[in-house]
Amino acid sequence: MQFDVEYEIERQEHELEVQRESYDSMPKILFKYKAISSINDLSRACDILQNNRIYMPTYQELNDPLEGLNSKLLCIDENTREELRKKWQILALSTDGLIPSLWAYYAGNYTGICIGFRTHTTFDDAKKVQYVTKQESISWDVGLSLPDDLLKKSKDWASEKEWRIIRQTVSLKKCSDCSKFFTFKPEDILCVFIGYKIDPIIVRTIQSIMAEKTKLFCVHPDNERYCLYAEDINTHMTYYDMNQLYTALEP
């Protein structure tokens, strides 16, 4: 019993330390890439901008078959871990809105959008994903190890610069949709990036529902510099990295 109490205290202290480190290193903006390849995609993107909520998939809906497997189990079978993983939802975000592979893969090859959210407010629970080369730990209790495992991914995904908000699935009888979404405040949306191949009709739709203070940028490739840049739709100022963008968005 004494051992259990000491273990629990140590675990809680470790979680607090991880939270402090994540908060101290948290970027000023976190980005969500969205494809707009169909009417349903456009509807979901508009839902984010109008209703201030983002769909939170369960681990089963993610595209990495190694999700939540960082710990090597000692006393629990894999079927048990599978059932426990079903109870978790993950909101994946990135620290960078100018990553070519993410624009190609998650934003419809530059025909979609990327939404930038203010951090240190509603997004305080976001934690940095660690990229590893192998299973790093041994677990006696998958229930305790799963939250940590869901914040670790193979180094093959490192280019995504991912931060995550994770939570256990909650069933809300009065609002069946509430448990599916992460909600935020209208002012948390700082900017919207649109891909340079996006349909002009979609641009007008996005502009019509954006908050007045939200800035709109178009992402283009710079062939000479061999990178992407964001151009302010109104001022035509160009920004090549996140630090430049932070400066542009400061009040």
Protein backbone atom coordinates (compact mmCIF):
# COMPACT_ATOMS: atom_id res chain seq x y z
CA MET A 1 0.00 0.00 0.00
CA GLN A 2 2.80 2.40 0.90
CA PHE A 3 4.47 1.67 -2.42
CA ASP A 4 1.23 2.45 -4.28
CA VAL A 5 0.88 5.83 -2.53
CA GLU A 6 4.48 6.79 -3.25
CA TYR A 7 4.11 5.72 -6.87
CA GLU A 8 0.96 7.83 -7.29
CA ILE A 9 2.62 10.90 -5.75
CA GLU A 10 5.63 10.47 -8.00
CA ARG A 11 3.40 10.07 -11.06
CA GLN A 12 1.44 13.25 -10.25
CA GLU A 13 4.64 15.24 -9.68
CA HIS A 14 5.96 14.01 -13.03
CA GLU A 15 2.76 15.08 -14.80
CA LEU A 16 2.96 18.57 -13.25
CA GLU A 17 6.55 18.92 -14.38
CA VAL A 18 5.63 17.87 -17.90
CA GLN A 19 2.79 20.41 -17.93
CA ARG A 20 5.11 23.21 -16.76
CA GLU A 21 7.67 22.37 -19.42
CA SER A 22 5.01 22.26 -22.13
CA TYR A 23 3.56 25.62 -21.08
CA ASP A 24 6.97 27.30 -20.95
CA SER A 25 7.90 26.06 -24.41
CA MET A 26 4.47 26.49 -26.00
CA PRO A 27 4.52 28.46 -29.28
CA LYS A 28 2.37 31.54 -29.71
CA ILE A 29 0.27 29.92 -32.44
CA LEU A 30 -0.82 26.36 -33.14
CA PHE A 31 -2.09 25.40 -36.59
CA LYS A 32 -4.73 23.02 -37.86
CA TYR A 33 -4.46 21.96 -41.50
CA LYS A 34 -7.76 21.17 -43.27
CA ALA A 35 -8.40 19.76 -46.73
CA ILE A 36 -11.32 21.16 -48.72
CA SER A 37 -11.79 18.48 -51.35
CA SER A 38 -15.55 18.12 -51.06
CA ILE A 39 -18.70 19.84 -49.85
CA ASN A 40 -18.39 17.94 -46.57
CA ASP A 41 -14.80 19.19 -46.13
CA LEU A 42 -15.93 22.77 -46.73
CA SER A 43 -18.79 22.32 -44.27
CA ARG A 44 -16.38 21.07 -41.59
CA ALA A 45 -13.98 23.96 -42.19
CA CYS A 46 -16.82 26.47 -41.95
CA ASP A 47 -18.02 24.77 -38.78
CA ILE A 48 -14.65 25.49 -37.15
CA LEU A 49 -14.77 29.16 -38.13
CA GLN A 50 -18.44 29.74 -37.34
CA ASN A 51 -19.13 27.51 -34.35
CA ASN A 52 -15.71 27.64 -32.68
CA ARG A 53 -15.13 23.93 -32.37
CA ILE A 54 -12.82 21.29 -33.86
CA TYR A 55 -13.67 17.64 -34.27
CA MET A 56 -11.58 15.44 -31.95
CA PRO A 57 -11.04 11.98 -33.47
CA THR A 58 -10.48 8.87 -31.42
CA TYR A 59 -7.14 7.09 -31.80
CA GLN A 60 -8.84 4.61 -34.17
CA GLU A 61 -9.42 7.41 -36.68
CA LEU A 62 -5.77 8.49 -36.80
CA ASN A 63 -3.43 7.53 -39.62
CA ASP A 64 -0.57 6.01 -37.59
CA PRO A 65 -1.00 2.30 -36.69
CA LEU A 66 1.62 2.69 -33.94
CA GLU A 67 -0.41 5.23 -31.95
CA GLY A 68 -0.24 4.62 -28.20
CA LEU A 69 2.23 1.73 -28.40
CA ASN A 70 5.35 3.36 -27.01
CA SER A 71 5.31 1.31 -23.79
CA LYS A 72 6.15 -2.38 -23.76
CA LEU A 73 3.49 -4.19 -21.74
CA LEU A 74 4.46 -6.65 -18.99
CA CYS A 75 1.26 -7.74 -17.33
CA ILE A 76 -1.63 -6.67 -19.56
CA ASP A 77 -2.52 -8.27 -22.87
CA GLU A 78 -2.76 -6.31 -26.10
CA ASN A 79 -6.54 -6.69 -26.31
CA THR A 80 -6.90 -4.81 -23.03
CA ARG A 81 -4.71 -2.00 -24.31
CA GLU A 82 -6.78 -1.86 -27.50
CA GLU A 83 -9.98 -1.39 -25.52
CA LEU A 84 -8.44 1.32 -23.34
CA ARG A 85 -7.12 3.23 -26.36
CA LYS A 86 -10.67 3.47 -27.71
CA LYS A 87 -11.51 5.76 -24.80
CA TRP A 88 -9.09 8.50 -25.87
CA GLN A 89 -9.49 11.42 -28.28
CA ILE A 90 -6.64 13.32 -29.85
CA LEU A 91 -6.55 16.80 -31.37
CA ALA A 92 -3.43 17.11 -33.53
CA LEU A 93 -1.95 20.55 -34.17
CA SER A 94 1.32 21.88 -35.55
CA THR A 95 3.63 24.72 -34.53
CA ASP A 96 4.22 25.67 -38.16
CA GLY A 97 1.76 26.71 -40.87
CA LEU A 98 4.35 26.58 -43.65
CA ILE A 99 5.30 22.91 -43.83
CA PRO A 100 5.19 21.68 -47.46
CA SER A 101 4.43 18.04 -46.62
CA LEU A 102 1.48 19.02 -44.40
CA TRP A 103 0.05 21.29 -47.09
CA ALA A 104 0.34 18.42 -49.56
CA TYR A 105 -1.01 15.69 -47.29
CA TYR A 106 -3.48 17.38 -44.93
CA ALA A 107 -4.57 20.45 -46.90
CA GLY A 108 -5.40 18.92 -50.26
CA ASN A 109 -2.17 19.80 -52.04
CA TYR A 110 -2.59 23.55 -51.42
CA THR A 111 -6.33 23.58 -52.19
CA GLY A 112 -7.27 23.68 -48.49
CA ILE A 113 -6.69 25.92 -45.49
CA CYS A 114 -4.66 26.10 -42.30
CA ILE A 115 -6.13 27.84 -39.23
CA GLY A 116 -3.86 29.49 -36.66
CA PHE A 117 -5.03 29.49 -33.02
CA ARG A 118 -3.81 31.68 -30.18
CA THR A 119 -2.20 29.63 -27.40
CA HIS A 120 -1.89 30.22 -23.62
CA THR A 121 -5.69 30.51 -23.42
CA THR A 122 -8.11 27.77 -24.42
CA PHE A 123 -5.25 25.68 -25.78
CA ASP A 124 -3.28 25.54 -22.51
CA ASP A 125 -3.63 21.75 -22.34
CA ALA A 126 -1.70 21.22 -25.57
CA LYS A 127 1.50 19.21 -25.09
CA LYS A 128 4.49 18.74 -27.33
CA VAL A 129 4.80 15.40 -29.10
CA GLN A 130 8.11 13.60 -28.56
CA TYR A 131 9.56 11.74 -31.53
CA VAL A 132 11.34 8.49 -30.68
CA THR A 133 13.17 5.68 -32.45
CA LYS A 134 11.89 2.72 -30.41
CA GLN A 135 9.71 1.69 -27.47
CA GLU A 136 11.20 3.60 -24.57
CA SER A 137 9.45 2.31 -21.47
CA ILE A 138 8.03 -0.74 -19.75
CA SER A 139 4.49 -0.55 -18.41
CA TRP A 140 2.82 -2.48 -15.62
CA ASP A 141 -0.34 -0.38 -15.91
CA VAL A 142 -1.47 0.57 -19.41
CA GLY A 143 -4.06 2.94 -17.95
CA LEU A 144 -1.27 5.09 -16.53
CA SER A 145 1.07 4.79 -19.50
CA LEU A 146 -1.45 5.51 -22.27
CA PRO A 147 -1.59 9.33 -21.88
CA ASP A 148 2.19 9.46 -22.12
CA ASP A 149 2.26 6.99 -25.02
CA LEU A 150 -0.19 9.15 -26.98
CA LEU A 151 2.31 12.00 -26.79
CA LYS A 152 5.07 9.96 -28.43
CA LYS A 153 5.41 9.08 -32.09
CA SER A 154 8.00 7.57 -34.40
CA LYS A 155 10.70 9.98 -35.56
CA ASP A 156 9.40 9.40 -39.10
CA TRP A 157 6.65 11.91 -38.25
CA ALA A 158 8.97 14.56 -36.80
CA SER A 159 8.51 16.98 -39.70
CA GLU A 160 4.94 17.60 -38.54
CA LYS A 161 6.15 19.51 -35.43
CA GLU A 162 3.07 18.26 -33.63
CA TRP A 163 1.45 19.31 -30.38
CA ARG A 164 -1.58 17.46 -29.03
CA ILE A 165 -4.55 17.91 -26.79
CA ILE A 166 -5.66 14.51 -25.51
CA ARG A 167 -8.62 13.58 -23.36
CA GLN A 168 -10.68 10.58 -22.41
CA THR A 169 -13.95 10.29 -24.29
CA VAL A 170 -16.88 11.75 -22.37
CA SER A 171 -20.46 10.76 -23.04
CA LEU A 172 -22.84 13.71 -22.69
CA LYS A 173 -26.51 12.69 -22.88
CA LYS A 174 -27.88 16.23 -23.26
CA CYS A 175 -25.53 17.09 -26.11
CA SER A 176 -24.45 14.09 -28.14
CA ASP A 177 -22.19 16.21 -30.37
CA CYS A 178 -20.40 18.01 -27.53
CA SER A 179 -18.16 15.08 -26.67
CA LYS A 180 -16.94 14.88 -30.29
CA PHE A 181 -15.53 18.40 -30.40
CA PHE A 182 -12.91 20.58 -28.78
CA THR A 183 -14.44 24.01 -28.23
CA PHE A 184 -12.62 27.33 -28.14
CA LYS A 185 -13.33 31.07 -28.00
CA PRO A 186 -13.96 33.11 -31.17
CA GLU A 187 -10.96 35.32 -30.41
CA ASP A 188 -8.66 32.29 -30.33
CA ILE A 189 -8.56 32.27 -34.14
CA LEU A 190 -5.72 34.61 -35.13
CA CYS A 191 -5.31 33.85 -38.82
CA VAL A 192 -6.32 31.66 -41.70
CA PHE A 193 -3.90 30.47 -44.38
CA ILE A 194 -5.30 29.48 -47.77
CA GLY A 195 -3.39 27.39 -50.30
CA TYR A 196 -2.43 29.07 -53.55
CA LYS A 197 -4.42 26.47 -55.55
CA ILE A 198 -7.67 27.05 -53.65
CA ASP A 199 -10.88 27.75 -55.55
CA PRO A 200 -11.74 31.51 -55.48
CA ILE A 201 -15.34 30.65 -54.58
CA ILE A 202 -14.10 28.91 -51.44
CA VAL A 203 -11.95 31.94 -50.59
CA ARG A 204 -15.01 34.19 -50.73
CA THR A 205 -16.92 31.73 -48.57
CA ILE A 206 -14.13 31.70 -45.97
CA GLN A 207 -13.90 35.50 -45.99
CA SER A 208 -17.65 35.85 -45.49
CA ILE A 209 -17.61 33.93 -42.21
CA MET A 210 -14.26 35.02 -40.78
CA ALA A 211 -14.18 37.33 -37.79
CA GLU A 212 -13.26 40.89 -38.73
CA LYS A 213 -9.97 40.83 -36.80
CA THR A 214 -8.83 37.49 -38.23
CA LYS A 215 -6.06 37.95 -40.79
CA LEU A 216 -6.07 36.06 -44.07
CA PHE A 217 -2.88 34.88 -45.79
CA CYS A 218 -2.22 32.98 -49.00
CA VAL A 219 0.57 30.39 -48.96
CA HIS A 220 2.83 30.29 -52.04
CA PRO A 221 6.01 28.44 -53.00
CA ASP A 222 9.13 30.57 -53.45
CA ASN A 223 11.14 28.80 -56.13
CA GLU A 224 14.29 30.84 -55.56
CA ARG A 225 14.38 30.36 -51.78
CA TYR A 226 13.08 26.78 -52.07
CA CYS A 227 10.45 27.24 -49.34
CA LEU A 228 6.93 28.46 -48.67
CA TYR A 229 5.84 31.92 -47.64
CA ALA A 230 2.58 33.50 -46.44
CA GLU A 231 1.32 36.65 -48.14
CA ASP A 232 -1.11 38.94 -46.33
CA ILE A 233 -4.16 39.18 -48.61
CA ASN A 234 -4.72 42.86 -47.73
CA THR A 235 -1.24 44.34 -47.36
CA HIS A 236 0.67 41.91 -49.63
CA MET A 237 3.42 41.69 -47.02
CA THR A 238 5.26 38.35 -47.12
CA TYR A 239 6.38 36.17 -44.21
CA TYR A 240 8.75 33.24 -44.47
CA ASP A 241 8.80 31.88 -40.92
CA MET A 242 6.72 31.80 -37.78
CA ASN A 243 8.72 34.49 -35.94
CA GLN A 244 7.95 36.96 -38.72
CA LEU A 245 4.32 35.96 -38.57
CA TYR A 246 4.17 36.41 -34.78
CA THR A 247 5.38 39.97 -35.24
CA ALA A 248 2.75 40.65 -37.91
CA LEU A 249 -0.05 39.37 -35.67
CA GLU A 250 0.92 41.26 -32.53
CA PRO A 251 -1.64 43.96 -31.63
